[in-house]
Amino acid sequence: MDHARPAGPGPAVRSFATGLLQDLDAVVAGLTLSYSSGAVEGHNNKIKMIKRQMFGRAGFDLLRKRVLLAA
């Protein structure tokens, strides 16, 4: 990361390295801790997919039933 920042291969790589360094504690924690929020993100993604599929149909009651049945 230190080599990419001053005169790296391009602006995209420099920007990526700078972003990693700005949030280095979170990056290190994400790579070293044994737990993650992957399961929560998966459920969130599933609910959003169902919501997109139902756009313009019925109402909240049907959406709630579909989310509960999908779990």
PDB file of N, CA and C in Angstrom:
ATOM      1  N   MET A   1       0.825  -1.188   0.000  1.00  0.00           N
ATOM      2  CA  MET A   1       0.000   0.000   0.000  1.00  0.00           C
ATOM      3  C   MET A   1       0.869   1.252   0.000  1.00  0.00           C
ATOM      4  N   ASP A   2       1.954   1.194   0.755  1.00  0.00           N
ATOM      5  CA  ASP A   2       2.832   2.363   0.798  1.00  0.00           C
ATOM      6  C   ASP A   2       3.481   2.634  -0.547  1.00  0.00           C
ATOM      7  N   HIS A   3       3.763   1.589  -1.324  1.00  0.00           N
ATOM      8  CA  HIS A   3       4.377   1.772  -2.645  1.00  0.00           C
ATOM      9  C   HIS A   3       3.368   2.283  -3.663  1.00  0.00           C
ATOM     10  N   ALA A   4       2.104   1.961  -3.490  1.00  0.00           N
ATOM     11  CA  ALA A   4       1.090   2.362  -4.460  1.00  0.00           C
ATOM     12  C   ALA A   4       0.669   3.811  -4.296  1.00  0.00           C
ATOM     13  N   ARG A   5       0.788   4.350  -3.105  1.00  0.00           N
ATOM     14  CA  ARG A   5       0.268   5.695  -2.874  1.00  0.00           C
ATOM     15  C   ARG A   5       1.044   6.814  -3.547  1.00  0.00           C
ATOM     16  N   PRO A   6       2.357   6.952  -3.370  1.00  0.00           N
ATOM     17  CA  PRO A   6       3.016   8.147  -3.918  1.00  0.00           C
ATOM     18  C   PRO A   6       3.029   8.202  -5.443  1.00  0.00           C
ATOM     19  N   ALA A   7       3.499   7.163  -6.083  1.00  0.00           N
ATOM     20  CA  ALA A   7       3.587   7.179  -7.549  1.00  0.00           C
ATOM     21  C   ALA A   7       3.217   5.795  -8.064  1.00  0.00           C
ATOM     22  N   GLY A   8       2.040   5.368  -7.717  1.00  0.00           N
ATOM     23  CA  GLY A   8       1.594   4.029  -8.086  1.00  0.00           C
ATOM     24  C   GLY A   8       1.292   3.898  -9.561  1.00  0.00           C
ATOM     25  N   PRO A   9       0.825   2.706  -9.952  1.00  0.00           N
ATOM     26  CA  PRO A   9       0.571   2.423 -11.357  1.00  0.00           C
ATOM     27  C   PRO A   9      -0.566   3.236 -11.971  1.00  0.00           C
ATOM     28  N   GLY A  10      -1.402   3.825 -11.169  1.00  0.00           N
ATOM     29  CA  GLY A  10      -2.483   4.635 -11.723  1.00  0.00           C
ATOM     30  C   GLY A  10      -3.335   5.225 -10.620  1.00  0.00           C
ATOM     31  N   PRO A  11      -4.222   6.141 -10.995  1.00  0.00           N
ATOM     32  CA  PRO A  11      -5.036   6.812  -9.984  1.00  0.00           C
ATOM     33  C   PRO A  11      -5.987   5.859  -9.257  1.00  0.00           C
ATOM     34  N   ALA A  12      -6.464   4.828  -9.926  1.00  0.00           N
ATOM     35  CA  ALA A  12      -7.386   3.894  -9.284  1.00  0.00           C
ATOM     36  C   ALA A  12      -6.683   3.118  -8.173  1.00  0.00           C
ATOM     37  N   VAL A  13      -5.461   2.677  -8.423  1.00  0.00           N
ATOM     38  CA  VAL A  13      -4.705   1.921  -7.422  1.00  0.00           C
ATOM     39  C   VAL A  13      -4.334   2.828  -6.255  1.00  0.00           C
ATOM     40  N   ARG A  14      -3.935   4.064  -6.564  1.00  0.00           N
ATOM     41  CA  ARG A  14      -3.611   5.016  -5.491  1.00  0.00           C
ATOM     42  C   ARG A  14      -4.828   5.287  -4.628  1.00  0.00           C
ATOM     43  N   SER A  15      -5.979   5.469  -5.249  1.00  0.00           N
ATOM     44  CA  SER A  15      -7.204   5.739  -4.510  1.00  0.00           C
ATOM     45  C   SER A  15      -7.583   4.544  -3.635  1.00  0.00           C
ATOM     46  N   PHE A  16      -7.448   3.340  -4.170  1.00  0.00           N
ATOM     47  CA  PHE A  16      -7.753   2.135  -3.400  1.00  0.00           C
ATOM     48  C   PHE A  16      -6.825   2.013  -2.191  1.00  0.00           C
ATOM     49  N   ALA A  17      -5.535   2.222  -2.397  1.00  0.00           N
ATOM     50  CA  ALA A  17      -4.566   2.122  -1.300  1.00  0.00           C
ATOM     51  C   ALA A  17      -4.824   3.188  -0.241  1.00  0.00           C
ATOM     52  N   THR A  18      -5.161   4.381  -0.661  1.00  0.00           N
ATOM     53  CA  THR A  18      -5.456   5.454   0.283  1.00  0.00           C
ATOM     54  C   THR A  18      -6.691   5.108   1.110  1.00  0.00           C
ATOM     55  N   GLY A  19      -7.718   4.555   0.459  1.00  0.00           N
ATOM     56  CA  GLY A  19      -8.923   4.157   1.169  1.00  0.00           C
ATOM     57  C   GLY A  19      -8.653   3.057   2.182  1.00  0.00           C
ATOM     58  N   LEU A  20      -7.801   2.097   1.819  1.00  0.00           N
ATOM     59  CA  LEU A  20      -7.442   1.034   2.760  1.00  0.00           C
ATOM     60  C   LEU A  20      -6.718   1.597   3.973  1.00  0.00           C
ATOM     61  N   LEU A  21      -5.803   2.511   3.742  1.00  0.00           N
ATOM     62  CA  LEU A  21      -5.055   3.082   4.851  1.00  0.00           C
ATOM     63  C   LEU A  21      -5.925   3.945   5.758  1.00  0.00           C
ATOM     64  N   GLN A  22      -6.915   4.616   5.196  1.00  0.00           N
ATOM     65  CA  GLN A  22      -7.792   5.456   6.009  1.00  0.00           C
ATOM     66  C   GLN A  22      -8.631   4.616   6.972  1.00  0.00           C
ATOM     67  N   ASP A  23      -8.954   3.387   6.576  1.00  0.00           N
ATOM     68  CA  ASP A  23      -9.782   2.526   7.415  1.00  0.00           C
ATOM     69  C   ASP A  23      -9.041   1.232   7.743  1.00  0.00           C
ATOM     70  N   LEU A  24      -7.765   1.361   8.052  1.00  0.00           N
ATOM     71  CA  LEU A  24      -6.899   0.206   8.253  1.00  0.00           C
ATOM     72  C   LEU A  24      -7.360  -0.677   9.412  1.00  0.00           C
ATOM     73  N   ASP A  25      -7.864  -0.087  10.488  1.00  0.00           N
ATOM     74  CA  ASP A  25      -8.323  -0.896  11.624  1.00  0.00           C
ATOM     75  C   ASP A  25      -9.452  -1.838  11.216  1.00  0.00           C
ATOM     76  N   ALA A  26     -10.401  -1.355  10.431  1.00  0.00           N
ATOM     77  CA  ALA A  26     -11.515  -2.192   9.990  1.00  0.00           C
ATOM     78  C   ALA A  26     -11.029  -3.278   9.033  1.00  0.00           C
ATOM     79  N   VAL A  27     -10.081  -2.952   8.173  1.00  0.00           N
ATOM     80  CA  VAL A  27      -9.540  -3.937   7.232  1.00  0.00           C
ATOM     81  C   VAL A  27      -8.838  -5.061   7.986  1.00  0.00           C
ATOM     82  N   VAL A  28      -8.004  -4.697   8.937  1.00  0.00           N
ATOM     83  CA  VAL A  28      -7.288  -5.706   9.725  1.00  0.00           C
ATOM     84  C   VAL A  28      -8.277  -6.553  10.518  1.00  0.00           C
ATOM     85  N   ALA A  29      -9.284  -5.948  11.120  1.00  0.00           N
ATOM     86  CA  ALA A  29     -10.278  -6.696  11.893  1.00  0.00           C
ATOM     87  C   ALA A  29     -11.053  -7.661  10.995  1.00  0.00           C
ATOM     88  N   GLY A  30     -11.405  -7.211   9.812  1.00  0.00           N
ATOM     89  CA  GLY A  30     -12.143  -8.068   8.887  1.00  0.00           C
ATOM     90  C   GLY A  30     -11.351  -9.264   8.417  1.00  0.00           C
ATOM     91  N   LEU A  31     -10.043  -9.117   8.344  1.00  0.00           N
ATOM     92  CA  LEU A  31      -9.203 -10.213   7.873  1.00  0.00           C
ATOM     93  C   LEU A  31      -8.719 -11.126   8.990  1.00  0.00           C
ATOM     94  N   THR A  32      -8.755 -10.682  10.232  1.00  0.00           N
ATOM     95  CA  THR A  32      -8.173 -11.479  11.304  1.00  0.00           C
ATOM     96  C   THR A  32      -9.187 -12.060  12.284  1.00  0.00           C
ATOM     97  N   LEU A  33     -10.352 -11.447  12.457  1.00  0.00           N
ATOM     98  CA  LEU A  33     -11.321 -11.954  13.427  1.00  0.00           C
ATOM     99  C   LEU A  33     -12.054 -13.169  12.878  1.00  0.00           C
ATOM    100  N   SER A  34     -12.471 -14.044  13.776  1.00  0.00           N
ATOM    101  CA  SER A  34     -13.092 -15.294  13.355  1.00  0.00           C
ATOM    102  C   SER A  34     -14.591 -15.161  13.077  1.00  0.00           C
ATOM    103  N   TYR A  35     -15.198 -14.050  13.433  1.00  0.00           N
ATOM    104  CA  TYR A  35     -16.629 -13.889  13.200  1.00  0.00           C
ATOM    105  C   TYR A  35     -16.865 -12.812  12.147  1.00  0.00           C
ATOM    106  N   SER A  36     -18.048 -12.880  11.526  1.00  0.00           N
ATOM    107  CA  SER A  36     -18.375 -11.896  10.504  1.00  0.00           C
ATOM    108  C   SER A  36     -19.878 -11.645  10.483  1.00  0.00           C
ATOM    109  N   SER A  37     -20.293 -10.700   9.707  1.00  0.00           N
ATOM    110  CA  SER A  37     -21.711 -10.383   9.572  1.00  0.00           C
ATOM    111  C   SER A  37     -22.259 -10.960   8.273  1.00  0.00           C
ATOM    112  N   GLY A  38     -21.613 -11.998   7.771  1.00  0.00           N
ATOM    113  CA  GLY A  38     -22.027 -12.599   6.502  1.00  0.00           C
ATOM    114  C   GLY A  38     -23.443 -13.124   6.514  1.00  0.00           C
ATOM    115  N   ALA A  39     -23.851 -13.772   7.606  1.00  0.00           N
ATOM    116  CA  ALA A  39     -25.214 -14.319   7.678  1.00  0.00           C
ATOM    117  C   ALA A  39     -26.250 -13.201   7.646  1.00  0.00           C
ATOM    118  N   VAL A  40     -25.991 -12.140   8.362  1.00  0.00           N
ATOM    119  CA  VAL A  40     -26.922 -11.004   8.380  1.00  0.00           C
ATOM    120  C   VAL A  40     -27.003 -10.377   6.990  1.00  0.00           C
ATOM    121  N   GLU A  41     -25.867 -10.208   6.344  1.00  0.00           N
ATOM    122  CA  GLU A  41     -25.856  -9.642   4.990  1.00  0.00           C
ATOM    123  C   GLU A  41     -26.614 -10.537   4.013  1.00  0.00           C
ATOM    124  N   GLY A  42     -26.510 -11.851   4.197  1.00  0.00           N
ATOM    125  CA  GLY A  42     -27.234 -12.781   3.330  1.00  0.00           C
ATOM    126  C   GLY A  42     -28.733 -12.643   3.484  1.00  0.00           C
ATOM    127  N   HIS A  43     -29.205 -12.538   4.726  1.00  0.00           N
ATOM    128  CA  HIS A  43     -30.646 -12.357   4.953  1.00  0.00           C
ATOM    129  C   HIS A  43     -31.117 -11.022   4.397  1.00  0.00           C
ATOM    130  N   ASN A  44     -30.325  -9.987   4.586  1.00  0.00           N
ATOM    131  CA  ASN A  44     -30.667  -8.669   4.064  1.00  0.00           C
ATOM    132  C   ASN A  44     -30.773  -8.708   2.539  1.00  0.00           C
ATOM    133  N   ASN A  45     -29.834  -9.391   1.899  1.00  0.00           N
ATOM    134  CA  ASN A  45     -29.843  -9.506   0.445  1.00  0.00           C
ATOM    135  C   ASN A  45     -31.090 -10.253  -0.032  1.00  0.00           C
ATOM    136  N   LYS A  46     -31.465 -11.320   0.682  1.00  0.00           N
ATOM    137  CA  LYS A  46     -32.644 -12.108   0.309  1.00  0.00           C
ATOM    138  C   LYS A  46     -33.912 -11.263   0.414  1.00  0.00           C
ATOM    139  N   ILE A  47     -34.036 -10.483   1.493  1.00  0.00           N
ATOM    140  CA  ILE A  47     -35.219  -9.643   1.677  1.00  0.00           C
ATOM    141  C   ILE A  47     -35.294  -8.577   0.590  1.00  0.00           C
ATOM    142  N   LYS A  48     -34.165  -7.987   0.256  1.00  0.00           N
ATOM    143  CA  LYS A  48     -34.162  -6.964  -0.802  1.00  0.00           C
ATOM    144  C   LYS A  48     -34.542  -7.565  -2.146  1.00  0.00           C
ATOM    145  N   MET A  49     -34.099  -8.801  -2.416  1.00  0.00           N
ATOM    146  CA  MET A  49     -34.441  -9.456  -3.679  1.00  0.00           C
ATOM    147  C   MET A  49     -35.952  -9.693  -3.755  1.00  0.00           C
ATOM    148  N   ILE A  50     -36.538 -10.178  -2.667  1.00  0.00           N
ATOM    149  CA  ILE A  50     -37.982 -10.406  -2.644  1.00  0.00           C
ATOM    150  C   ILE A  50     -38.725  -9.089  -2.824  1.00  0.00           C
ATOM    151  N   LYS A  51     -38.244  -8.042  -2.178  1.00  0.00           N
ATOM    152  CA  LYS A  51     -38.874  -6.724  -2.291  1.00  0.00           C
ATOM    153  C   LYS A  51     -38.827  -6.217  -3.740  1.00  0.00           C
ATOM    154  N   ARG A  52     -37.686  -6.413  -4.415  1.00  0.00           N
ATOM    155  CA  ARG A  52     -37.583  -5.988  -5.819  1.00  0.00           C
ATOM    156  C   ARG A  52     -38.514  -6.796  -6.711  1.00  0.00           C
ATOM    157  N   GLN A  53     -38.642  -8.101  -6.452  1.00  0.00           N
ATOM    158  CA  GLN A  53     -39.524  -8.940  -7.254  1.00  0.00           C
ATOM    159  C   GLN A  53     -40.981  -8.519  -7.104  1.00  0.00           C
ATOM    160  N   MET A  54     -41.346  -8.003  -5.941  1.00  0.00           N
ATOM    161  CA  MET A  54     -42.734  -7.661  -5.654  1.00  0.00           C
ATOM    162  C   MET A  54     -43.062  -6.197  -5.936  1.00  0.00           C
ATOM    163  N   PHE A  55     -42.164  -5.464  -6.531  1.00  0.00           N
ATOM    164  CA  PHE A  55     -42.389  -4.037  -6.753  1.00  0.00           C
ATOM    165  C   PHE A  55     -43.705  -3.814  -7.488  1.00  0.00           C
ATOM    166  N   GLY A  56     -44.584  -2.998  -6.900  1.00  0.00           N
ATOM    167  CA  GLY A  56     -45.852  -2.653  -7.527  1.00  0.00           C
ATOM    168  C   GLY A  56     -46.973  -3.638  -7.253  1.00  0.00           C
ATOM    169  N   ARG A  57     -46.716  -4.707  -6.528  1.00  0.00           N
ATOM    170  CA  ARG A  57     -47.738  -5.710  -6.248  1.00  0.00           C
ATOM    171  C   ARG A  57     -48.199  -5.597  -4.794  1.00  0.00           C
ATOM    172  N   ALA A  58     -49.474  -5.841  -4.594  1.00  0.00           N
ATOM    173  CA  ALA A  58     -50.090  -5.976  -3.277  1.00  0.00           C
ATOM    174  C   ALA A  58     -49.556  -4.968  -2.274  1.00  0.00           C
ATOM    175  N   GLY A  59     -49.244  -5.428  -1.085  1.00  0.00           N
ATOM    176  CA  GLY A  59     -48.808  -4.510  -0.044  1.00  0.00           C
ATOM    177  C   GLY A  59     -47.865  -5.184   0.921  1.00  0.00           C
ATOM    178  N   PHE A  60     -47.751  -4.568   2.084  1.00  0.00           N
ATOM    179  CA  PHE A  60     -46.801  -5.040   3.074  1.00  0.00           C
ATOM    180  C   PHE A  60     -47.151  -6.430   3.596  1.00  0.00           C
ATOM    181  N   ASP A  61     -48.452  -6.731   3.709  1.00  0.00           N
ATOM    182  CA  ASP A  61     -48.850  -8.041   4.251  1.00  0.00           C
ATOM    183  C   ASP A  61     -48.320  -9.184   3.396  1.00  0.00           C
ATOM    184  N   LEU A  62     -48.448  -9.074   2.088  1.00  0.00           N
ATOM    185  CA  LEU A  62     -47.941 -10.126   1.209  1.00  0.00           C
ATOM    186  C   LEU A  62     -46.418 -10.187   1.246  1.00  0.00           C
ATOM    187  N   LEU A  63     -45.777  -9.036   1.281  1.00  0.00           N
ATOM    188  CA  LEU A  63     -44.312  -9.015   1.388  1.00  0.00           C
ATOM    189  C   LEU A  63     -43.867  -9.707   2.673  1.00  0.00           C
ATOM    190  N   ARG A  64     -44.535  -9.419   3.774  1.00  0.00           N
ATOM    191  CA  ARG A  64     -44.196 -10.042   5.054  1.00  0.00           C
ATOM    192  C   ARG A  64     -44.337 -11.561   4.981  1.00  0.00           C
ATOM    193  N   LYS A  65     -45.421 -12.042   4.386  1.00  0.00           N
ATOM    194  CA  LYS A  65     -45.634 -13.485   4.260  1.00  0.00           C
ATOM    195  C   LYS A  65     -44.542 -14.131   3.419  1.00  0.00           C
ATOM    196  N   ARG A  66     -44.171 -13.491   2.321  1.00  0.00           N
ATOM    197  CA  ARG A  66     -43.141 -14.064   1.450  1.00  0.00           C
ATOM    198  C   ARG A  66     -41.784 -14.097   2.143  1.00  0.00           C
ATOM    199  N   VAL A  67     -41.471 -13.048   2.908  1.00  0.00           N
ATOM    200  CA  VAL A  67     -40.182 -13.011   3.631  1.00  0.00           C
ATOM    201  C   VAL A  67     -40.169 -14.106   4.687  1.00  0.00           C
ATOM    202  N   LEU A  68     -41.260 -14.271   5.423  1.00  0.00           N
ATOM    203  CA  LEU A  68     -41.298 -15.284   6.467  1.00  0.00           C
ATOM    204  C   LEU A  68     -41.229 -16.696   5.882  1.00  0.00           C
ATOM    205  N   LEU A  69     -41.849 -16.914   4.727  1.00  0.00           N
ATOM    206  CA  LEU A  69     -41.804 -18.233   4.114  1.00  0.00           C
ATOM    207  C   LEU A  69     -40.461 -18.539   3.468  1.00  0.00           C
ATOM    208  N   ALA A  70     -39.733 -17.493   3.090  1.00  0.00           N
ATOM    209  CA  ALA A  70     -38.427 -17.696   2.446  1.00  0.00           C
ATOM    210  C   ALA A  70     -37.338 -18.050   3.457  1.00  0.00           C
ATOM    211  N   ALA A  71     -37.557 -17.727   4.708  1.00  0.00           N
ATOM    212  CA  ALA A  71     -36.528 -17.950   5.732  1.00  0.00           C
ATOM    213  C   ALA A  71     -36.347 -19.383   6.098  1.00  0.00           C
TER     214      ALA A  71
END
